N, C-alpha and C. Protein backbone atom coordinates (compact mmCIF):
# COMPACT_ATOMS: atom_id res chain seq x y z
N UNK A 1 0.83 -1.19 0.00
CA UNK A 1 0.00 0.00 0.00
C UNK A 1 0.88 1.25 0.00
N UNK A 2 0.57 2.16 -0.88
CA UNK A 2 1.36 3.38 -1.03
C UNK A 2 0.77 4.50 -0.17
N UNK A 3 1.64 5.30 0.38
CA UNK A 3 1.24 6.44 1.22
C UNK A 3 1.28 7.71 0.37
N UNK A 4 0.26 8.55 0.48
CA UNK A 4 0.26 9.83 -0.22
C UNK A 4 1.12 10.83 0.57
N UNK A 5 1.55 11.91 -0.08
CA UNK A 5 2.29 12.93 0.67
C UNK A 5 1.50 13.46 1.88
N UNK A 6 0.21 13.64 1.75
CA UNK A 6 -0.60 14.13 2.87
C UNK A 6 -0.61 13.12 4.01
N UNK A 7 -0.75 11.84 3.69
CA UNK A 7 -0.71 10.80 4.72
C UNK A 7 0.66 10.77 5.39
N UNK A 8 1.72 10.93 4.60
CA UNK A 8 3.07 10.96 5.16
C UNK A 8 3.22 12.14 6.12
N UNK A 9 2.76 13.32 5.70
CA UNK A 9 2.86 14.50 6.56
C UNK A 9 2.08 14.31 7.86
N UNK A 10 0.90 13.70 7.78
CA UNK A 10 0.12 13.43 8.99
C UNK A 10 0.87 12.48 9.92
N UNK A 11 1.50 11.46 9.36
CA UNK A 11 2.26 10.50 10.17
C UNK A 11 3.49 11.16 10.78
N UNK A 12 4.13 12.05 10.04
CA UNK A 12 5.29 12.77 10.56
C UNK A 12 4.88 13.66 11.73
N UNK A 13 3.76 14.39 11.57
CA UNK A 13 3.25 15.23 12.65
C UNK A 13 2.97 14.39 13.89
N UNK A 14 2.31 13.25 13.71
CA UNK A 14 1.99 12.36 14.83
C UNK A 14 3.27 11.89 15.53
N UNK A 15 4.27 11.51 14.75
CA UNK A 15 5.54 11.05 15.33
C UNK A 15 6.19 12.17 16.14
N UNK A 16 6.13 13.41 15.65
CA UNK A 16 6.75 14.52 16.38
C UNK A 16 5.98 14.81 17.66
N UNK A 17 4.66 14.88 17.57
CA UNK A 17 3.84 15.16 18.76
C UNK A 17 4.06 14.10 19.83
N UNK A 18 4.16 12.83 19.40
CA UNK A 18 4.38 11.72 20.34
C UNK A 18 5.85 11.53 20.69
N UNK A 19 6.73 12.32 20.05
CA UNK A 19 8.18 12.20 20.26
C UNK A 19 8.62 10.74 20.09
N UNK A 20 8.30 10.19 18.92
CA UNK A 20 8.53 8.78 18.64
C UNK A 20 9.57 8.64 17.53
N UNK A 21 10.85 8.52 17.87
CA UNK A 21 11.90 8.43 16.85
C UNK A 21 11.75 7.22 15.93
N UNK A 22 11.28 6.10 16.46
CA UNK A 22 11.10 4.91 15.62
C UNK A 22 10.03 5.12 14.57
N UNK A 23 8.92 5.75 14.96
CA UNK A 23 7.85 6.03 14.00
C UNK A 23 8.34 7.02 12.94
N UNK A 24 9.08 8.03 13.36
CA UNK A 24 9.61 9.01 12.41
C UNK A 24 10.55 8.33 11.41
N UNK A 25 11.49 7.54 11.92
CA UNK A 25 12.46 6.87 11.05
C UNK A 25 11.77 5.92 10.08
N UNK A 26 10.68 5.30 10.50
CA UNK A 26 9.94 4.37 9.65
C UNK A 26 9.27 5.02 8.45
N UNK A 27 9.22 6.34 8.42
CA UNK A 27 8.64 7.06 7.29
C UNK A 27 9.65 7.29 6.16
N UNK A 28 10.88 6.87 6.38
CA UNK A 28 11.96 7.10 5.42
C UNK A 28 12.47 5.80 4.82
N UNK A 29 13.05 5.89 3.63
CA UNK A 29 13.69 4.73 3.02
C UNK A 29 14.96 4.39 3.82
N UNK A 30 15.46 3.19 3.62
CA UNK A 30 16.66 2.75 4.35
C UNK A 30 17.87 3.64 4.08
N UNK A 31 17.93 4.24 2.88
CA UNK A 31 19.09 5.06 2.52
C UNK A 31 18.76 6.55 2.45
N UNK A 32 17.68 6.97 3.09
CA UNK A 32 17.22 8.36 3.02
C UNK A 32 18.25 9.33 3.59
N UNK A 33 18.12 10.57 3.15
CA UNK A 33 18.91 11.65 3.73
C UNK A 33 17.96 12.66 4.36
N UNK A 34 18.38 13.21 5.49
CA UNK A 34 17.58 14.16 6.27
C UNK A 34 18.48 15.35 6.58
N UNK A 35 18.31 16.43 5.82
CA UNK A 35 19.15 17.61 5.98
C UNK A 35 18.41 18.62 6.85
N UNK A 36 18.75 18.65 8.12
CA UNK A 36 18.09 19.54 9.08
C UNK A 36 18.68 20.94 9.03
N UNK A 37 19.93 21.08 8.64
CA UNK A 37 20.63 22.36 8.55
C UNK A 37 21.35 22.43 7.20
N UNK A 38 21.29 23.58 6.53
CA UNK A 38 21.93 23.65 5.21
C UNK A 38 23.45 23.62 5.25
N UNK A 39 24.06 23.90 6.40
CA UNK A 39 25.52 23.95 6.47
C UNK A 39 26.12 22.77 7.21
N UNK A 40 25.33 21.74 7.44
CA UNK A 40 25.81 20.52 8.10
C UNK A 40 25.50 19.32 7.22
N UNK A 41 26.23 18.25 7.43
CA UNK A 41 25.95 17.03 6.70
C UNK A 41 24.57 16.51 7.07
N UNK A 42 23.92 15.90 6.11
CA UNK A 42 22.60 15.29 6.34
C UNK A 42 22.74 14.05 7.21
N UNK A 43 21.70 13.73 7.95
CA UNK A 43 21.62 12.44 8.64
C UNK A 43 21.25 11.42 7.58
N UNK A 44 21.86 10.23 7.65
CA UNK A 44 21.70 9.25 6.58
C UNK A 44 21.09 7.97 7.12
N UNK A 45 20.09 7.46 6.37
CA UNK A 45 19.47 6.19 6.70
C UNK A 45 18.53 6.27 7.90
N UNK A 46 17.73 5.23 8.03
CA UNK A 46 16.78 5.21 9.13
C UNK A 46 17.45 5.31 10.50
N UNK A 47 18.59 4.65 10.64
CA UNK A 47 19.27 4.70 11.94
C UNK A 47 19.76 6.11 12.26
N UNK A 48 20.36 6.78 11.28
CA UNK A 48 20.82 8.14 11.48
C UNK A 48 19.67 9.09 11.79
N UNK A 49 18.56 8.91 11.10
CA UNK A 49 17.38 9.74 11.34
C UNK A 49 16.79 9.46 12.73
N UNK A 50 16.69 8.20 13.09
CA UNK A 50 16.17 7.83 14.42
C UNK A 50 17.06 8.41 15.53
N UNK A 51 18.37 8.30 15.37
CA UNK A 51 19.29 8.83 16.38
C UNK A 51 19.16 10.35 16.50
N UNK A 52 19.06 11.04 15.38
CA UNK A 52 18.87 12.49 15.39
C UNK A 52 17.57 12.83 16.12
N UNK A 53 16.50 12.17 15.74
CA UNK A 53 15.20 12.44 16.34
C UNK A 53 15.18 12.16 17.84
N UNK A 54 15.81 11.08 18.26
CA UNK A 54 15.84 10.75 19.69
C UNK A 54 16.48 11.88 20.49
N UNK A 55 17.55 12.45 19.97
CA UNK A 55 18.23 13.53 20.67
C UNK A 55 17.48 14.84 20.62
N UNK A 56 16.97 15.21 19.45
CA UNK A 56 16.37 16.53 19.29
C UNK A 56 15.02 16.64 19.99
N UNK A 57 14.28 15.55 20.11
CA UNK A 57 12.95 15.61 20.73
C UNK A 57 12.96 15.28 22.21
N UNK A 58 14.10 14.88 22.73
CA UNK A 58 14.19 14.40 24.12
C UNK A 58 13.61 15.37 25.14
N UNK A 59 13.89 16.66 24.99
CA UNK A 59 13.45 17.65 25.98
C UNK A 59 12.27 18.48 25.50
N UNK A 60 11.63 18.04 24.42
CA UNK A 60 10.48 18.77 23.90
C UNK A 60 9.19 18.26 24.54
N UNK A 61 8.19 19.15 24.64
CA UNK A 61 6.87 18.79 25.15
C UNK A 61 5.86 19.79 24.60
N UNK A 62 4.57 19.51 24.84
CA UNK A 62 3.47 20.40 24.42
C UNK A 62 3.60 20.79 22.96
N UNK A 63 3.88 19.81 22.10
CA UNK A 63 4.15 20.05 20.69
C UNK A 63 2.83 20.21 19.93
N UNK A 64 2.72 21.32 19.22
CA UNK A 64 1.60 21.56 18.31
C UNK A 64 2.20 21.87 16.95
N UNK A 65 1.72 21.17 15.92
CA UNK A 65 2.28 21.35 14.58
C UNK A 65 1.15 21.45 13.57
N UNK A 66 1.32 22.37 12.63
CA UNK A 66 0.35 22.47 11.53
C UNK A 66 1.11 22.70 10.23
N UNK A 67 0.43 22.37 9.14
CA UNK A 67 1.00 22.53 7.81
C UNK A 67 0.18 23.53 7.01
N UNK A 68 0.86 24.17 6.07
CA UNK A 68 0.17 24.91 5.03
C UNK A 68 -0.29 23.93 3.97
N UNK A 69 -0.70 24.43 2.83
CA UNK A 69 -1.15 23.59 1.73
C UNK A 69 0.06 23.01 1.00
N UNK A 70 0.21 21.67 0.99
CA UNK A 70 1.36 21.08 0.29
C UNK A 70 1.28 21.30 -1.22
N UNK A 71 2.42 21.44 -1.84
CA UNK A 71 2.52 21.53 -3.30
C UNK A 71 3.31 20.30 -3.75
N UNK A 72 2.67 19.46 -4.56
CA UNK A 72 3.30 18.23 -5.03
C UNK A 72 3.41 18.26 -6.54
N UNK A 73 4.61 17.99 -7.03
CA UNK A 73 4.87 17.85 -8.46
C UNK A 73 5.68 16.57 -8.62
N UNK A 74 5.09 15.57 -9.24
CA UNK A 74 5.78 14.29 -9.39
C UNK A 74 6.08 13.69 -8.03
N UNK A 75 7.34 13.39 -7.80
CA UNK A 75 7.76 12.75 -6.54
C UNK A 75 8.18 13.76 -5.47
N UNK A 76 8.05 15.06 -5.76
CA UNK A 76 8.50 16.09 -4.82
C UNK A 76 7.32 16.84 -4.22
N UNK A 77 7.44 17.10 -2.93
CA UNK A 77 6.43 17.88 -2.21
C UNK A 77 7.14 18.96 -1.40
N UNK A 78 6.57 20.14 -1.41
CA UNK A 78 7.05 21.26 -0.62
C UNK A 78 5.89 21.71 0.25
N UNK A 79 6.17 21.96 1.53
CA UNK A 79 5.10 22.40 2.44
C UNK A 79 5.67 23.27 3.55
N UNK A 80 4.93 24.32 3.89
CA UNK A 80 5.26 25.13 5.06
C UNK A 80 4.78 24.41 6.31
N UNK A 81 5.48 24.61 7.42
CA UNK A 81 5.01 24.08 8.70
C UNK A 81 5.23 25.10 9.80
N UNK A 82 4.40 25.00 10.84
CA UNK A 82 4.44 25.92 11.97
C UNK A 82 4.31 25.09 13.23
N UNK A 83 5.27 25.17 14.12
CA UNK A 83 5.28 24.34 15.32
C UNK A 83 5.55 25.19 16.56
N UNK A 84 4.75 24.96 17.58
CA UNK A 84 5.02 25.53 18.90
C UNK A 84 5.27 24.36 19.84
N UNK A 85 6.18 24.58 20.79
CA UNK A 85 6.52 23.53 21.75
C UNK A 85 7.25 24.16 22.91
N UNK A 86 7.52 23.34 23.91
CA UNK A 86 8.43 23.77 24.96
C UNK A 86 9.68 22.91 24.83
N UNK A 87 10.82 23.55 25.02
CA UNK A 87 12.11 22.86 24.99
C UNK A 87 12.77 23.12 26.34
N UNK A 88 12.94 22.08 27.12
CA UNK A 88 13.39 22.24 28.51
C UNK A 88 12.48 23.20 29.27
N UNK A 89 11.17 23.15 28.97
CA UNK A 89 10.19 23.98 29.65
C UNK A 89 10.03 25.38 29.11
N UNK A 90 10.86 25.77 28.15
CA UNK A 90 10.82 27.12 27.58
C UNK A 90 9.98 27.10 26.30
N UNK A 91 8.94 27.95 26.21
CA UNK A 91 8.12 27.96 24.99
C UNK A 91 8.87 28.57 23.82
N UNK A 92 8.76 27.90 22.67
CA UNK A 92 9.39 28.39 21.44
C UNK A 92 8.45 28.15 20.26
N UNK A 93 8.72 28.85 19.18
CA UNK A 93 8.00 28.67 17.93
C UNK A 93 9.02 28.40 16.83
N UNK A 94 8.71 27.44 15.99
CA UNK A 94 9.53 27.12 14.82
C UNK A 94 8.63 27.24 13.59
N UNK A 95 9.06 28.00 12.61
CA UNK A 95 8.34 28.13 11.35
C UNK A 95 9.29 27.69 10.25
N UNK A 96 8.83 26.78 9.39
CA UNK A 96 9.76 26.27 8.39
C UNK A 96 9.10 25.73 7.15
N UNK A 97 9.94 25.10 6.35
CA UNK A 97 9.50 24.51 5.10
C UNK A 97 10.22 23.17 4.92
N UNK A 98 9.50 22.18 4.44
CA UNK A 98 10.07 20.90 4.04
C UNK A 98 10.13 20.84 2.53
N UNK A 99 11.22 20.30 2.02
CA UNK A 99 11.33 19.91 0.62
C UNK A 99 11.55 18.40 0.66
N UNK A 100 10.56 17.65 0.19
CA UNK A 100 10.54 16.19 0.33
C UNK A 100 10.57 15.51 -1.03
N UNK A 101 11.30 14.41 -1.11
CA UNK A 101 11.26 13.55 -2.29
C UNK A 101 10.85 12.16 -1.84
N UNK A 102 9.84 11.60 -2.50
CA UNK A 102 9.29 10.30 -2.11
C UNK A 102 9.63 9.22 -3.13
N UNK A 103 9.65 7.97 -2.65
CA UNK A 103 9.77 6.84 -3.58
C UNK A 103 8.37 6.40 -3.99
N UNK A 104 8.28 5.35 -4.80
CA UNK A 104 6.99 4.90 -5.33
C UNK A 104 6.04 4.42 -4.24
N UNK A 105 6.56 3.98 -3.09
CA UNK A 105 5.69 3.49 -2.02
C UNK A 105 5.23 4.61 -1.08
N UNK A 106 5.75 5.80 -1.28
CA UNK A 106 5.37 6.92 -0.44
C UNK A 106 6.31 7.16 0.73
N UNK A 107 7.41 6.40 0.82
CA UNK A 107 8.42 6.69 1.84
C UNK A 107 9.30 7.84 1.36
N UNK A 108 9.82 8.59 2.30
CA UNK A 108 10.64 9.74 1.97
C UNK A 108 12.08 9.30 1.70
N UNK A 109 12.62 9.72 0.55
CA UNK A 109 14.02 9.44 0.21
C UNK A 109 14.93 10.58 0.59
N UNK A 110 14.34 11.80 0.64
CA UNK A 110 15.14 12.97 0.92
C UNK A 110 14.26 14.02 1.60
N UNK A 111 14.75 14.55 2.71
CA UNK A 111 14.09 15.66 3.40
C UNK A 111 15.12 16.75 3.59
N UNK A 112 14.77 17.93 3.12
CA UNK A 112 15.56 19.13 3.42
C UNK A 112 14.60 20.08 4.11
N UNK A 113 15.07 20.71 5.18
CA UNK A 113 14.22 21.68 5.87
C UNK A 113 14.98 22.96 6.12
N UNK A 114 14.23 24.03 6.11
CA UNK A 114 14.72 25.35 6.45
C UNK A 114 13.74 25.90 7.47
N UNK A 115 14.25 26.41 8.58
CA UNK A 115 13.35 26.86 9.63
C UNK A 115 13.90 28.07 10.36
N UNK A 116 12.98 28.75 11.03
CA UNK A 116 13.31 29.93 11.84
C UNK A 116 12.81 29.68 13.26
N UNK A 117 13.56 30.20 14.21
CA UNK A 117 13.29 30.01 15.63
C UNK A 117 12.86 31.35 16.24
N UNK A 118 11.87 31.30 17.13
CA UNK A 118 11.49 32.48 17.91
C UNK A 118 11.17 32.04 19.32
N UNK A 119 11.52 32.86 20.27
CA UNK A 119 11.16 32.57 21.66
C UNK A 119 9.68 32.85 21.85
N UNK A 120 9.04 32.07 22.71
CA UNK A 120 7.63 32.24 23.01
C UNK A 120 6.74 31.52 22.02
N UNK A 121 5.46 31.46 22.35
CA UNK A 121 4.47 30.81 21.48
C UNK A 121 3.84 31.88 20.61
N UNK A 122 4.02 31.75 19.30
CA UNK A 122 3.53 32.73 18.34
C UNK A 122 2.56 32.06 17.37
N UNK A 123 1.54 32.82 16.96
CA UNK A 123 0.60 32.35 15.96
C UNK A 123 1.10 32.77 14.58
N UNK A 124 0.77 31.97 13.55
CA UNK A 124 1.18 32.37 12.20
C UNK A 124 0.38 33.59 11.72
N UNK A 125 0.94 34.32 10.77
CA UNK A 125 0.19 35.45 10.19
C UNK A 125 -1.09 34.97 9.49
N UNK A 126 -2.01 35.86 9.25
CA UNK A 126 -3.33 35.48 8.75
C UNK A 126 -3.30 34.75 7.41
N UNK A 127 -2.43 35.10 6.49
CA UNK A 127 -2.39 34.46 5.17
C UNK A 127 -1.44 33.27 5.11
N UNK A 128 -0.89 32.90 6.27
CA UNK A 128 0.09 31.81 6.31
C UNK A 128 -0.51 30.51 5.80
N UNK A 129 0.28 29.76 5.04
CA UNK A 129 -0.08 28.42 4.63
C UNK A 129 -0.95 28.29 3.41
N UNK A 130 -1.34 29.42 2.80
CA UNK A 130 -2.19 29.36 1.58
C UNK A 130 -1.40 28.88 0.39
């Protein structure tokens, strides 16, 4: 059974909210790349992605995540995301974009993200995500 980009995004959101590194890693191909920062090497493979996720989500809580309208062309999907959470008890907001490439089964082969950080819990602007 193949997963659509929207189903994948929903599963990714669920994995983040539940802070479940295994579920997150399971959304990727065995040889996937996950580029969290443009100036650092990507995390490679399910194990690398799971290890990254285990560390980055360890101190997160109260996670709320939403997406804008995804744009899909062929095997590529681009989507804005907006996340509020607490990190070590401190409220923060992350606003970003995913650039995703999927295989035929709907698993992600490549994730690149660009994001911005702000202190406190912030709401997106009114036209955000259109």
